[in-house]
PDB file of N, CA and C in Angstrom:
ATOM      1  N   MET A   1      -1.561  19.010 -15.463  1.00  0.00           N
ATOM      2  CA  MET A   1      -0.887  18.350 -14.353  1.00  0.00           C
ATOM      3  C   MET A   1      -1.934  17.867 -13.368  1.00  0.00           C
ATOM      4  N   GLY A   2      -1.728  16.711 -12.768  1.00  0.00           N
ATOM      5  CA  GLY A   2      -2.670  16.143 -11.817  1.00  0.00           C
ATOM      6  C   GLY A   2      -2.676  16.892 -10.497  1.00  0.00           C
ATOM      7  N   LYS A   3      -3.725  16.682  -9.755  1.00  0.00           N
ATOM      8  CA  LYS A   3      -3.851  17.317  -8.449  1.00  0.00           C
ATOM      9  C   LYS A   3      -3.021  16.562  -7.419  1.00  0.00           C
ATOM     10  N   SER A   4      -2.578  17.282  -6.415  1.00  0.00           N
ATOM     11  CA  SER A   4      -1.934  16.596  -5.296  1.00  0.00           C
ATOM     12  C   SER A   4      -3.028  15.993  -4.428  1.00  0.00           C
ATOM     13  N   PHE A   5      -2.660  15.071  -3.574  1.00  0.00           N
ATOM     14  CA  PHE A   5      -3.628  14.385  -2.719  1.00  0.00           C
ATOM     15  C   PHE A   5      -4.426  15.386  -1.894  1.00  0.00           C
ATOM     16  N   GLU A   6      -3.778  16.429  -1.410  1.00  0.00           N
ATOM     17  CA  GLU A   6      -4.435  17.403  -0.549  1.00  0.00           C
ATOM     18  C   GLU A   6      -5.507  18.190  -1.299  1.00  0.00           C
ATOM     19  N   GLU A   7      -5.399  18.294  -2.622  1.00  0.00           N
ATOM     20  CA  GLU A   7      -6.361  19.074  -3.407  1.00  0.00           C
ATOM     21  C   GLU A   7      -7.631  18.298  -3.746  1.00  0.00           C
ATOM     22  N   TRP A   8      -7.617  16.967  -3.620  1.00  0.00           N
ATOM     23  CA  TRP A   8      -8.799  16.182  -3.934  1.00  0.00           C
ATOM     24  C   TRP A   8      -9.850  16.382  -2.862  1.00  0.00           C
ATOM     25  N   LYS A   9     -11.108  16.406  -3.269  1.00  0.00           N
ATOM     26  CA  LYS A   9     -12.200  16.507  -2.308  1.00  0.00           C
ATOM     27  C   LYS A   9     -13.409  15.784  -2.876  1.00  0.00           C
ATOM     28  N   ILE A  10     -14.369  15.455  -2.014  1.00  0.00           N
ATOM     29  CA  ILE A  10     -15.587  14.790  -2.461  1.00  0.00           C
ATOM     30  C   ILE A  10     -16.294  15.701  -3.457  1.00  0.00           C
ATOM     31  N   GLY A  11     -16.738  15.109  -4.539  1.00  0.00           N
ATOM     32  CA  GLY A  11     -17.369  15.871  -5.616  1.00  0.00           C
ATOM     33  C   GLY A  11     -16.502  15.925  -6.860  1.00  0.00           C
ATOM     34  N   ASP A  12     -15.203  15.710  -6.697  1.00  0.00           N
ATOM     35  CA  ASP A  12     -14.309  15.651  -7.844  1.00  0.00           C
ATOM     36  C   ASP A  12     -14.569  14.349  -8.599  1.00  0.00           C
ATOM     37  N   PRO A  13     -14.269  14.313  -9.889  1.00  0.00           N
ATOM     38  CA  PRO A  13     -14.424  13.049 -10.622  1.00  0.00           C
ATOM     39  C   PRO A  13     -13.602  11.943  -9.959  1.00  0.00           C
ATOM     40  N   MET A  14     -14.150  10.753  -9.923  1.00  0.00           N
ATOM     41  CA  MET A  14     -13.500   9.557  -9.390  1.00  0.00           C
ATOM     42  C   MET A  14     -13.432   9.547  -7.864  1.00  0.00           C
ATOM     43  N   ILE A  15     -14.072  10.493  -7.188  1.00  0.00           N
ATOM     44  CA  ILE A  15     -14.063  10.540  -5.727  1.00  0.00           C
ATOM     45  C   ILE A  15     -15.516  10.539  -5.257  1.00  0.00           C
ATOM     46  N   ASN A  16     -15.837   9.716  -4.265  1.00  0.00           N
ATOM     47  CA  ASN A  16     -17.175   9.789  -3.686  1.00  0.00           C
ATOM     48  C   ASN A  16     -17.102   9.611  -2.180  1.00  0.00           C
ATOM     49  N   GLU A  17     -18.227   9.800  -1.516  1.00  0.00           N
ATOM     50  CA  GLU A  17     -18.238   9.792  -0.057  1.00  0.00           C
ATOM     51  C   GLU A  17     -17.956   8.418   0.546  1.00  0.00           C
ATOM     52  N   ARG A  18     -18.040   7.343  -0.230  1.00  0.00           N
ATOM     53  CA  ARG A  18     -17.762   6.012   0.283  1.00  0.00           C
ATOM     54  C   ARG A  18     -16.306   5.594   0.097  1.00  0.00           C
ATOM     55  N   ASP A  19     -15.508   6.428  -0.509  1.00  0.00           N
ATOM     56  CA  ASP A  19     -14.086   6.124  -0.657  1.00  0.00           C
ATOM     57  C   ASP A  19     -13.422   6.088   0.713  1.00  0.00           C
ATOM     58  N   TYR A  20     -12.408   5.242   0.824  1.00  0.00           N
ATOM     59  CA  TYR A  20     -11.654   5.168   2.067  1.00  0.00           C
ATOM     60  C   TYR A  20     -10.601   6.273   2.058  1.00  0.00           C
ATOM     61  N   TRP A  21     -10.614   7.080   3.084  1.00  0.00           N
ATOM     62  CA  TRP A  21      -9.614   8.138   3.241  1.00  0.00           C
ATOM     63  C   TRP A  21      -8.799   7.820   4.483  1.00  0.00           C
ATOM     64  N   GLN A  22      -7.556   7.486   4.273  1.00  0.00           N
ATOM     65  CA  GLN A  22      -6.684   7.165   5.396  1.00  0.00           C
ATOM     66  C   GLN A  22      -6.420   8.415   6.220  1.00  0.00           C
ATOM     67  N   ASP A  23      -6.285   8.222   7.525  1.00  0.00           N
ATOM     68  CA  ASP A  23      -5.961   9.320   8.429  1.00  0.00           C
ATOM     69  C   ASP A  23      -4.606   9.907   8.024  1.00  0.00           C
ATOM     70  N   PRO A  24      -4.541  11.216   7.742  1.00  0.00           N
ATOM     71  CA  PRO A  24      -3.256  11.807   7.309  1.00  0.00           C
ATOM     72  C   PRO A  24      -2.184  11.764   8.389  1.00  0.00           C
ATOM     73  N   ASN A  25      -2.576  11.567   9.643  1.00  0.00           N
ATOM     74  CA  ASN A  25      -1.609  11.503  10.745  1.00  0.00           C
ATOM     75  C   ASN A  25      -1.342  10.072  11.184  1.00  0.00           C
ATOM     76  N   TYR A  26      -1.610   9.117  10.310  1.00  0.00           N
ATOM     77  CA  TYR A  26      -1.458   7.698  10.663  1.00  0.00           C
ATOM     78  C   TYR A  26      -0.014   7.366  10.989  1.00  0.00           C
ATOM     79  N   VAL A  27       0.164   6.672  12.098  1.00  0.00           N
ATOM     80  CA  VAL A  27       1.467   6.138  12.492  1.00  0.00           C
ATOM     81  C   VAL A  27       1.231   4.670  12.819  1.00  0.00           C
ATOM     82  N   ALA A  28       1.989   3.805  12.195  1.00  0.00           N
ATOM     83  CA  ALA A  28       1.823   2.366  12.412  1.00  0.00           C
ATOM     84  C   ALA A  28       2.163   2.032  13.865  1.00  0.00           C
ATOM     85  N   PRO A  29       1.286   1.274  14.530  1.00  0.00           N
ATOM     86  CA  PRO A  29       1.563   0.922  15.926  1.00  0.00           C
ATOM     87  C   PRO A  29       2.700  -0.086  16.078  1.00  0.00           C
ATOM     88  N   ASP A  30       2.966  -0.857  15.027  1.00  0.00           N
ATOM     89  CA  ASP A  30       4.019  -1.876  15.082  1.00  0.00           C
ATOM     90  C   ASP A  30       4.999  -1.643  13.928  1.00  0.00           C
ATOM     91  N   PRO A  31       6.173  -1.070  14.206  1.00  0.00           N
ATOM     92  CA  PRO A  31       7.141  -0.781  13.142  1.00  0.00           C
ATOM     93  C   PRO A  31       7.601  -2.029  12.378  1.00  0.00           C
ATOM     94  N   GLU A  32       7.688  -3.169  13.063  1.00  0.00           N
ATOM     95  CA  GLU A  32       8.105  -4.402  12.389  1.00  0.00           C
ATOM     96  C   GLU A  32       7.053  -4.817  11.356  1.00  0.00           C
ATOM     97  N   LYS A  33       5.778  -4.761  11.739  1.00  0.00           N
ATOM     98  CA  LYS A  33       4.709  -5.100  10.794  1.00  0.00           C
ATOM     99  C   LYS A  33       4.697  -4.113   9.631  1.00  0.00           C
ATOM    100  N   GLU A  34       4.926  -2.841   9.922  1.00  0.00           N
ATOM    101  CA  GLU A  34       4.945  -1.829   8.865  1.00  0.00           C
ATOM    102  C   GLU A  34       5.998  -2.164   7.813  1.00  0.00           C
ATOM    103  N   ALA A  35       7.190  -2.543   8.243  1.00  0.00           N
ATOM    104  CA  ALA A  35       8.262  -2.893   7.306  1.00  0.00           C
ATOM    105  C   ALA A  35       7.898  -4.130   6.484  1.00  0.00           C
ATOM    106  N   LEU A  36       7.296  -5.119   7.141  1.00  0.00           N
ATOM    107  CA  LEU A  36       6.908  -6.339   6.438  1.00  0.00           C
ATOM    108  C   LEU A  36       5.805  -6.070   5.415  1.00  0.00           C
ATOM    109  N   VAL A  37       4.832  -5.262   5.801  1.00  0.00           N
ATOM    110  CA  VAL A  37       3.729  -4.945   4.889  1.00  0.00           C
ATOM    111  C   VAL A  37       4.240  -4.146   3.694  1.00  0.00           C
ATOM    112  N   LYS A  38       5.165  -3.222   3.926  1.00  0.00           N
ATOM    113  CA  LYS A  38       5.756  -2.467   2.816  1.00  0.00           C
ATOM    114  C   LYS A  38       6.458  -3.402   1.834  1.00  0.00           C
ATOM    115  N   LYS A  39       7.170  -4.381   2.357  1.00  0.00           N
ATOM    116  CA  LYS A  39       7.874  -5.348   1.504  1.00  0.00           C
ATOM    117  C   LYS A  39       6.875  -6.166   0.681  1.00  0.00           C
ATOM    118  N   LEU A  40       5.799  -6.624   1.325  1.00  0.00           N
ATOM    119  CA  LEU A  40       4.769  -7.382   0.616  1.00  0.00           C
ATOM    120  C   LEU A  40       4.065  -6.511  -0.419  1.00  0.00           C
ATOM    121  N   ALA A  41       3.739  -5.288  -0.055  1.00  0.00           N
ATOM    122  CA  ALA A  41       3.071  -4.372  -0.991  1.00  0.00           C
ATOM    123  C   ALA A  41       3.953  -4.104  -2.203  1.00  0.00           C
ATOM    124  N   GLU A  42       5.247  -3.992  -1.983  1.00  0.00           N
ATOM    125  CA  GLU A  42       6.183  -3.782  -3.088  1.00  0.00           C
ATOM    126  C   GLU A  42       6.213  -4.988  -4.021  1.00  0.00           C
ATOM    127  N   MET A  43       6.064  -6.184  -3.448  1.00  0.00           N
ATOM    128  CA  MET A  43       6.058  -7.399  -4.264  1.00  0.00           C
ATOM    129  C   MET A  43       4.828  -7.465  -5.170  1.00  0.00           C
ATOM    130  N   ILE A  44       3.683  -7.029  -4.671  1.00  0.00           N
ATOM    131  CA  ILE A  44       2.439  -7.243  -5.417  1.00  0.00           C
ATOM    132  C   ILE A  44       1.991  -6.049  -6.246  1.00  0.00           C
ATOM    133  N   THR A  45       2.583  -4.887  -6.049  1.00  0.00           N
ATOM    134  CA  THR A  45       2.127  -3.717  -6.792  1.00  0.00           C
ATOM    135  C   THR A  45       2.411  -3.861  -8.281  1.00  0.00           C
ATOM    136  N   ASP A  46       1.567  -3.224  -9.077  1.00  0.00           N
ATOM    137  CA  ASP A  46       1.803  -3.199 -10.517  1.00  0.00           C
ATOM    138  C   ASP A  46       2.298  -1.820 -10.965  1.00  0.00           C
ATOM    139  N   ARG A  47       2.548  -0.947 -10.009  1.00  0.00           N
ATOM    140  CA  ARG A  47       3.074   0.384 -10.333  1.00  0.00           C
ATOM    141  C   ARG A  47       4.592   0.287 -10.419  1.00  0.00           C
ATOM    142  N   VAL A  48       5.096   0.326 -11.629  1.00  0.00           N
ATOM    143  CA  VAL A  48       6.513   0.061 -11.892  1.00  0.00           C
ATOM    144  C   VAL A  48       7.420   1.034 -11.154  1.00  0.00           C
ATOM    145  N   LYS A  49       7.065   2.305 -11.148  1.00  0.00           N
ATOM    146  CA  LYS A  49       7.920   3.292 -10.489  1.00  0.00           C
ATOM    147  C   LYS A  49       8.063   2.996  -8.997  1.00  0.00           C
ATOM    148  N   LYS A  50       6.957   2.655  -8.338  1.00  0.00           N
ATOM    149  CA  LYS A  50       7.006   2.316  -6.910  1.00  0.00           C
ATOM    150  C   LYS A  50       7.825   1.049  -6.678  1.00  0.00           C
ATOM    151  N   LYS A  51       7.661   0.083  -7.562  1.00  0.00           N
ATOM    152  CA  LYS A  51       8.360  -1.194  -7.417  1.00  0.00           C
ATOM    153  C   LYS A  51       9.862  -1.033  -7.624  1.00  0.00           C
ATOM    154  N   LEU A  52      10.259  -0.359  -8.681  1.00  0.00           N
ATOM    155  CA  LEU A  52      11.687  -0.247  -9.001  1.00  0.00           C
ATOM    156  C   LEU A  52      12.437   0.680  -8.053  1.00  0.00           C
ATOM    157  N   LEU A  53      11.785   1.729  -7.599  1.00  0.00           N
ATOM    158  CA  LEU A  53      12.458   2.691  -6.723  1.00  0.00           C
ATOM    159  C   LEU A  53      12.281   2.366  -5.241  1.00  0.00           C
ATOM    160  N   HIS A  54      11.550   1.278  -4.948  1.00  0.00           N
ATOM    161  CA  HIS A  54      11.312   0.877  -3.560  1.00  0.00           C
ATOM    162  C   HIS A  54      10.725   2.034  -2.758  1.00  0.00           C
ATOM    163  N   LYS A  55       9.676   2.660  -3.313  1.00  0.00           N
ATOM    164  CA  LYS A  55       9.093   3.855  -2.707  1.00  0.00           C
ATOM    165  C   LYS A  55       7.699   3.619  -2.128  1.00  0.00           C
ATOM    166  N   ILE A  56       7.356   2.393  -1.799  1.00  0.00           N
ATOM    167  CA  ILE A  56       6.072   2.145  -1.148  1.00  0.00           C
ATOM    168  C   ILE A  56       6.117   2.762   0.247  1.00  0.00           C
ATOM    169  N   ASN A  57       5.084   3.502   0.604  1.00  0.00           N
ATOM    170  CA  ASN A  57       5.009   4.066   1.950  1.00  0.00           C
ATOM    171  C   ASN A  57       3.644   3.756   2.547  1.00  0.00           C
ATOM    172  N   ASN A  58       3.411   4.177   3.772  1.00  0.00           N
ATOM    173  CA  ASN A  58       2.160   3.823   4.427  1.00  0.00           C
ATOM    174  C   ASN A  58       0.973   4.676   3.981  1.00  0.00           C
ATOM    175  N   ARG A  59       1.136   5.480   2.960  1.00  0.00           N
ATOM    176  CA  ARG A  59       0.037   6.240   2.363  1.00  0.00           C
ATOM    177  C   ARG A  59      -0.468   5.588   1.073  1.00  0.00           C
ATOM    178  N   ASP A  60       0.228   4.584   0.590  1.00  0.00           N
ATOM    179  CA  ASP A  60      -0.158   3.920  -0.650  1.00  0.00           C
ATOM    180  C   ASP A  60      -1.272   2.914  -0.404  1.00  0.00           C
ATOM    181  N   PRO A  61      -2.212   2.800  -1.351  1.00  0.00           N
ATOM    182  CA  PRO A  61      -3.323   1.857  -1.156  1.00  0.00           C
ATOM    183  C   PRO A  61      -2.866   0.410  -0.998  1.00  0.00           C
ATOM    184  N   GLU A  62      -1.791   0.037  -1.674  1.00  0.00           N
ATOM    185  CA  GLU A  62      -1.279  -1.326  -1.525  1.00  0.00           C
ATOM    186  C   GLU A  62      -0.885  -1.594  -0.071  1.00  0.00           C
ATOM    187  N   TYR A  63      -0.323  -0.586   0.571  1.00  0.00           N
ATOM    188  CA  TYR A  63       0.084  -0.738   1.963  1.00  0.00           C
ATOM    189  C   TYR A  63      -1.124  -0.796   2.884  1.00  0.00           C
ATOM    190  N   TRP A  64      -1.983   0.218   2.815  1.00  0.00           N
ATOM    191  CA  TRP A  64      -3.013   0.298   3.850  1.00  0.00           C
ATOM    192  C   TRP A  64      -4.058  -0.793   3.753  1.00  0.00           C
ATOM    193  N   ILE A  65      -4.351  -1.325   2.561  1.00  0.00           N
ATOM    194  CA  ILE A  65      -5.314  -2.416   2.500  1.00  0.00           C
ATOM    195  C   ILE A  65      -4.718  -3.688   3.111  1.00  0.00           C
ATOM    196  N   LEU A  66      -3.445  -3.947   2.842  1.00  0.00           N
ATOM    197  CA  LEU A  66      -2.800  -5.123   3.446  1.00  0.00           C
ATOM    198  C   LEU A  66      -2.682  -4.957   4.961  1.00  0.00           C
ATOM    199  N   ASP A  67      -2.374  -3.752   5.402  1.00  0.00           N
ATOM    200  CA  ASP A  67      -2.251  -3.480   6.826  1.00  0.00           C
ATOM    201  C   ASP A  67      -3.593  -3.672   7.539  1.00  0.00           C
ATOM    202  N   MET A  68      -4.680  -3.317   6.865  1.00  0.00           N
ATOM    203  CA  MET A  68      -6.002  -3.430   7.476  1.00  0.00           C
ATOM    204  C   MET A  68      -6.483  -4.877   7.582  1.00  0.00           C
ATOM    205  N   ILE A  69      -6.176  -5.708   6.593  1.00  0.00           N
ATOM    206  CA  ILE A  69      -6.780  -7.045   6.563  1.00  0.00           C
ATOM    207  C   ILE A  69      -5.869  -8.169   7.051  1.00  0.00           C
ATOM    208  N   LEU A  70      -4.572  -7.923   7.154  1.00  0.00           N
ATOM    209  CA  LEU A  70      -3.647  -8.982   7.560  1.00  0.00           C
ATOM    210  C   LEU A  70      -2.998  -8.658   8.898  1.00  0.00           C
ATOM    211  N   ASP A  71      -2.736  -9.698   9.672  1.00  0.00           N
ATOM    212  CA  ASP A  71      -1.932  -9.487  10.870  1.00  0.00           C
ATOM    213  C   ASP A  71      -0.474  -9.834  10.533  1.00  0.00           C
ATOM    214  N   LYS A  72       0.415  -9.621  11.491  1.00  0.00           N
ATOM    215  CA  LYS A  72       1.845  -9.774  11.228  1.00  0.00           C
ATOM    216  C   LYS A  72       2.212 -11.197  10.798  1.00  0.00           C
ATOM    217  N   GLU A  73       1.610 -12.209  11.417  1.00  0.00           N
ATOM    218  CA  GLU A  73       1.923 -13.597  11.076  1.00  0.00           C
ATOM    219  C   GLU A  73       1.488 -13.933   9.650  1.00  0.00           C
ATOM    220  N   GLN A  74       0.349 -13.401   9.234  1.00  0.00           N
ATOM    221  CA  GLN A  74      -0.125 -13.633   7.868  1.00  0.00           C
ATOM    222  C   GLN A  74       0.799 -12.975   6.846  1.00  0.00           C
ATOM    223  N   VAL A  75       1.286 -11.791   7.155  1.00  0.00           N
ATOM    224  CA  VAL A  75       2.218 -11.103   6.249  1.00  0.00           C
ATOM    225  C   VAL A  75       3.511 -11.903   6.131  1.00  0.00           C
ATOM    226  N   LYS A  76       4.031 -12.384   7.250  1.00  0.00           N
ATOM    227  CA  LYS A  76       5.253 -13.204   7.222  1.00  0.00           C
ATOM    228  C   LYS A  76       5.038 -14.458   6.388  1.00  0.00           C
ATOM    229  N   PHE A  77       3.882 -15.084   6.537  1.00  0.00           N
ATOM    230  CA  PHE A  77       3.558 -16.278   5.759  1.00  0.00           C
ATOM    231  C   PHE A  77       3.561 -15.968   4.260  1.00  0.00           C
ATOM    232  N   LEU A  78       2.923 -14.880   3.867  1.00  0.00           N
ATOM    233  CA  LEU A  78       2.848 -14.527   2.452  1.00  0.00           C
ATOM    234  C   LEU A  78       4.211 -14.157   1.875  1.00  0.00           C
ATOM    235  N   LEU A  79       5.084 -13.608   2.693  1.00  0.00           N
ATOM    236  CA  LEU A  79       6.427 -13.254   2.212  1.00  0.00           C
ATOM    237  C   LEU A  79       7.293 -14.487   1.961  1.00  0.00           C
ATOM    238  N   ASN A  80       6.884 -15.648   2.458  1.00  0.00           N
ATOM    239  CA  ASN A  80       7.652 -16.875   2.242  1.00  0.00           C
ATOM    240  C   ASN A  80       7.481 -17.451   0.847  1.00  0.00           C
ATOM    241  N   PHE A  81       6.458 -17.023   0.124  1.00  0.00           N
ATOM    242  CA  PHE A  81       6.219 -17.563  -1.213  1.00  0.00           C
ATOM    243  C   PHE A  81       7.187 -16.959  -2.213  1.00  0.00           C
ATOM    244  N   LYS A  82       7.557 -17.764  -3.203  1.00  0.00           N
ATOM    245  CA  LYS A  82       8.411 -17.261  -4.270  1.00  0.00           C
ATOM    246  C   LYS A  82       7.568 -16.425  -5.221  1.00  0.00           C
ATOM    247  N   LYS A  83       8.165 -15.401  -5.763  1.00  0.00           N
ATOM    248  CA  LYS A  83       7.468 -14.594  -6.751  1.00  0.00           C
ATOM    249  C   LYS A  83       7.454 -15.347  -8.073  1.00  0.00           C
ATOM    250  N   ALA A  84       6.293 -15.421  -8.681  1.00  0.00           N
ATOM    251  CA  ALA A  84       6.178 -16.054  -9.992  1.00  0.00           C
ATOM    252  C   ALA A  84       6.576 -15.051 -11.070  1.00  0.00           C
ATOM    253  N   THR A  85       7.300 -15.516 -12.047  1.00  0.00           N
ATOM    254  CA  THR A  85       7.634 -14.670 -13.183  1.00  0.00           C
ATOM    255  C   THR A  85       7.152 -15.352 -14.445  1.00  0.00           C
ATOM    256  N   TYR A  86       6.936 -14.581 -15.454  1.00  0.00           N
ATOM    257  CA  TYR A  86       6.423 -15.125 -16.712  1.00  0.00           C
ATOM    258  C   TYR A  86       7.505 -15.908 -17.471  1.00  0.00           C
ATOM    259  N   TRP A  87       8.755 -15.640 -17.179  1.00  0.00           N
ATOM    260  CA  TRP A  87       9.814 -16.258 -17.966  1.00  0.00           C
ATOM    261  C   TRP A  87      10.522 -17.376 -17.212  1.00  0.00           C
ATOM    262  N   SER A  88      10.037 -17.792 -16.056  1.00  0.00           N
ATOM    263  CA  SER A  88      10.730 -18.871 -15.344  1.00  0.00           C
ATOM    264  C   SER A  88      10.072 -20.217 -15.579  1.00  0.00           C
TER     265      SER A  88
END
């Protein structure tokens, strides 16, 4: 069975000191942006379970990278695009 997030530490395989570790007490300063970023992260994730169950949260890498690099207007702009599908 895999380790929980709390059990990982520097020195474990696949973990190094340059990895980004989000603050465990992070609270989004703008709830509207948080909701928009979650929606965008859900659109772009390739993790089927997260996508189908709508379980993206602010601890997921898809969320925090988008939250770090985009402002609210950019997220709204990106949400205006249609999702491409392979069968359309």
